[in-house]
Amino acid sequence: MDWIAIQGVPPHDGRYPFDLAANEFTTREWSWIKKHAGYLPLTITDGFAGGDPELFTVFAVIALRRAGKIEVGDVPALVERFADVGFGTSIVLESDGVQEEAERLPPPSGTSSTSNGGSSGDGSTKSSETSTQTRPSIGDPVSAFSEFDPIRSAS
């Protein structure tokens, strides 16, 4: 199961189901994706793989609408509101399967866990360096989208 987690945008903070394989986009949802992010059924995988913030913003709004938290008329204003919050911290795609797999994997070679959950050794980064590791809860957007068939969903 995939989820959209929203943080820092009250009263919408929370974790909402977003299972693309089980729940195809409706015509209205495709309209929102096209209008607010510029993607069509045959181009959406590019935006997904590239982590386009506008696309993920629309996904968050769709998840909220599907959960009954907002009405159709609330969508444009909420897309605008999400545009002003930090991407990657306020809207996160999570996949339970990826999270479970990440928890089973050993730490990368050259690192060792410490009692506070951090790492040390050659694999750790200094505070001035940028880590290239992805947070396990985010998962791989492409794998989360792998069962999604835009052609089938568009019909």
Protein backbone atom coordinates (compact mmCIF):
# COMPACT_ATOMS: atom_id res chain seq x y z
CA MET A 1 0.00 0.00 0.00
CA ASP A 2 1.23 3.46 -0.87
CA TRP A 3 0.51 6.55 1.19
CA ILE A 4 0.81 10.30 0.95
CA ALA A 5 2.05 11.82 4.20
CA ILE A 6 1.36 15.52 4.72
CA GLN A 7 3.08 17.50 7.44
CA GLY A 8 3.06 21.22 8.25
CA VAL A 9 -0.19 22.06 6.45
CA PRO A 10 -2.88 22.03 9.14
CA PRO A 11 -5.59 20.83 9.25
CA HIS A 12 -4.46 18.40 6.53
CA ASP A 13 -1.53 16.85 8.37
CA GLY A 14 -1.73 13.07 8.32
CA ARG A 15 -1.17 9.94 6.29
CA TYR A 16 -3.62 9.17 3.49
CA PRO A 17 -3.94 6.02 1.33
CA PHE A 18 -2.76 6.52 -2.23
CA ASP A 19 -2.75 3.14 -3.95
CA LEU A 20 -2.24 3.84 -7.65
CA ALA A 21 -2.40 0.19 -8.68
CA ALA A 22 -5.78 -0.43 -7.01
CA ASN A 23 -7.47 2.94 -7.60
CA GLU A 24 -7.19 4.38 -11.08
CA PHE A 25 -7.41 8.14 -11.54
CA THR A 26 -10.85 9.42 -12.40
CA THR A 27 -11.40 11.77 -15.33
CA ARG A 28 -11.67 14.63 -12.83
CA GLU A 29 -8.36 13.64 -11.20
CA TRP A 30 -6.67 13.46 -14.62
CA SER A 31 -8.00 16.96 -15.25
CA TRP A 32 -6.39 18.19 -12.02
CA ILE A 33 -3.11 16.50 -12.93
CA LYS A 34 -3.15 18.14 -16.37
CA LYS A 35 -4.27 21.57 -15.12
CA HIS A 36 -2.04 21.87 -12.07
CA ALA A 37 1.02 19.82 -13.06
CA GLY A 38 0.88 19.68 -16.87
CA TYR A 39 1.01 15.89 -17.29
CA LEU A 40 -1.02 13.60 -19.50
CA PRO A 41 -1.49 9.82 -19.14
CA LEU A 42 1.49 9.12 -21.42
CA THR A 43 3.83 11.65 -19.75
CA ILE A 44 2.99 11.25 -16.06
CA THR A 45 5.65 8.60 -15.43
CA ASP A 46 8.31 11.17 -16.39
CA GLY A 47 7.05 13.57 -13.73
CA PHE A 48 6.77 10.76 -11.21
CA ALA A 49 10.27 9.44 -11.86
CA GLY A 50 11.65 12.99 -11.75
CA GLY A 51 9.90 13.75 -8.44
CA ASP A 52 8.12 16.82 -9.85
CA PRO A 53 6.87 18.82 -6.84
CA GLU A 54 3.78 20.06 -8.71
CA LEU A 55 2.78 16.49 -9.54
CA PHE A 56 3.23 15.34 -5.95
CA THR A 57 1.21 18.35 -4.80
CA VAL A 58 -1.66 17.22 -7.01
CA PHE A 59 -1.25 13.65 -5.69
CA ALA A 60 -1.60 15.00 -2.14
CA VAL A 61 -4.74 16.90 -3.06
CA ILE A 62 -6.18 13.81 -4.76
CA ALA A 63 -5.44 11.74 -1.65
CA LEU A 64 -7.20 14.31 0.53
CA ARG A 65 -10.21 14.36 -1.79
CA ARG A 66 -10.39 10.56 -1.90
CA ALA A 67 -10.27 10.50 1.92
CA GLY A 68 -13.22 12.91 2.05
CA LYS A 69 -11.19 15.65 3.74
CA ILE A 70 -11.84 18.28 1.06
CA GLU A 71 -14.50 19.05 -1.54
CA VAL A 72 -13.97 19.33 -5.30
CA GLY A 73 -14.21 23.14 -5.09
CA ASP A 74 -11.36 23.25 -2.54
CA VAL A 75 -8.79 21.78 -4.95
CA PRO A 76 -7.44 24.93 -6.69
CA ALA A 77 -6.91 26.83 -3.43
CA LEU A 78 -5.28 23.84 -1.75
CA VAL A 79 -2.90 23.31 -4.68
CA GLU A 80 -1.90 26.96 -4.28
CA ARG A 81 -1.45 26.54 -0.52
CA PHE A 82 0.77 23.47 -0.98
CA ALA A 83 2.88 25.43 -3.47
CA ASP A 84 4.12 27.58 -0.59
CA VAL A 85 5.36 24.77 1.67
CA GLY A 86 8.64 22.88 1.55
CA PHE A 87 8.63 19.95 -0.85
CA GLY A 88 10.09 16.67 0.36
CA THR A 89 9.29 17.45 3.98
CA SER A 90 5.65 18.45 3.82
CA ILE A 91 4.46 15.99 1.13
CA VAL A 92 6.04 12.55 1.09
CA LEU A 93 5.10 9.40 -0.81
CA GLU A 94 5.50 6.35 1.40
CA SER A 95 5.34 2.70 0.46
CA ASP A 96 4.94 0.05 3.17
CA GLY A 97 6.78 -2.59 1.12
CA VAL A 98 9.82 -0.35 0.59
CA GLN A 99 9.84 0.61 4.28
CA GLU A 100 9.79 -3.04 5.38
CA GLU A 101 12.54 -3.94 2.89
CA ALA A 102 14.72 -1.02 4.05
CA GLU A 103 14.38 -2.14 7.67
CA ARG A 104 15.64 -5.65 6.79
CA LEU A 105 18.72 -4.44 4.92
CA PRO A 106 22.03 -4.13 6.76
CA PRO A 107 23.61 -0.66 6.98
CA PRO A 108 25.82 0.32 4.02
CA SER A 109 29.40 -0.99 4.22
CA GLY A 110 31.79 1.31 6.00
CA THR A 111 29.16 2.43 8.51
CA SER A 112 28.23 1.18 11.91
CA SER A 113 25.20 1.99 13.98
CA THR A 114 25.63 3.85 17.20
CA SER A 115 23.38 3.78 20.23
CA ASN A 116 21.67 6.99 19.15
CA GLY A 117 20.77 5.60 15.73
CA GLY A 118 23.41 7.59 13.86
CA SER A 119 26.35 6.27 11.91
CA SER A 120 30.06 6.73 12.07
CA GLY A 121 33.08 5.74 10.05
CA ASP A 122 33.83 6.27 6.37
CA GLY A 123 30.16 6.18 5.29
CA SER A 124 28.98 9.08 7.42
CA THR A 125 28.77 12.62 6.12
CA LYS A 126 30.00 15.79 7.73
CA SER A 127 27.40 18.43 8.50
CA SER A 128 28.63 20.49 5.53
CA GLU A 129 28.24 17.54 3.11
CA THR A 130 25.02 16.53 1.45
CA SER A 131 23.88 12.97 1.94
CA THR A 132 22.69 11.18 -1.17
CA GLN A 133 20.80 8.53 0.77
CA THR A 134 17.01 8.57 0.52
CA ARG A 135 14.91 8.39 3.65
CA PRO A 136 13.58 4.82 3.80
CA SER A 137 9.98 5.95 4.31
CA ILE A 138 9.94 7.80 1.01
CA GLY A 139 10.66 4.72 -1.04
CA ASP A 140 11.37 4.67 -4.73
CA PRO A 141 8.71 6.71 -6.54
CA VAL A 142 9.24 4.72 -9.72
CA SER A 143 8.70 1.38 -7.98
CA ALA A 144 5.56 2.71 -6.33
CA PHE A 145 4.34 3.67 -9.78
CA SER A 146 5.47 0.43 -11.45
CA GLU A 147 2.06 -1.25 -11.42
CA PHE A 148 0.32 1.89 -12.65
CA ASP A 149 -0.68 1.64 -16.29
CA PRO A 150 -1.45 5.14 -17.63
CA ILE A 151 -3.00 3.74 -20.82
CA ARG A 152 -5.39 1.48 -18.93
CA SER A 153 -6.16 4.25 -16.42
CA ALA A 154 -6.91 6.77 -19.14
CA SER A 155 -9.65 4.64 -20.67
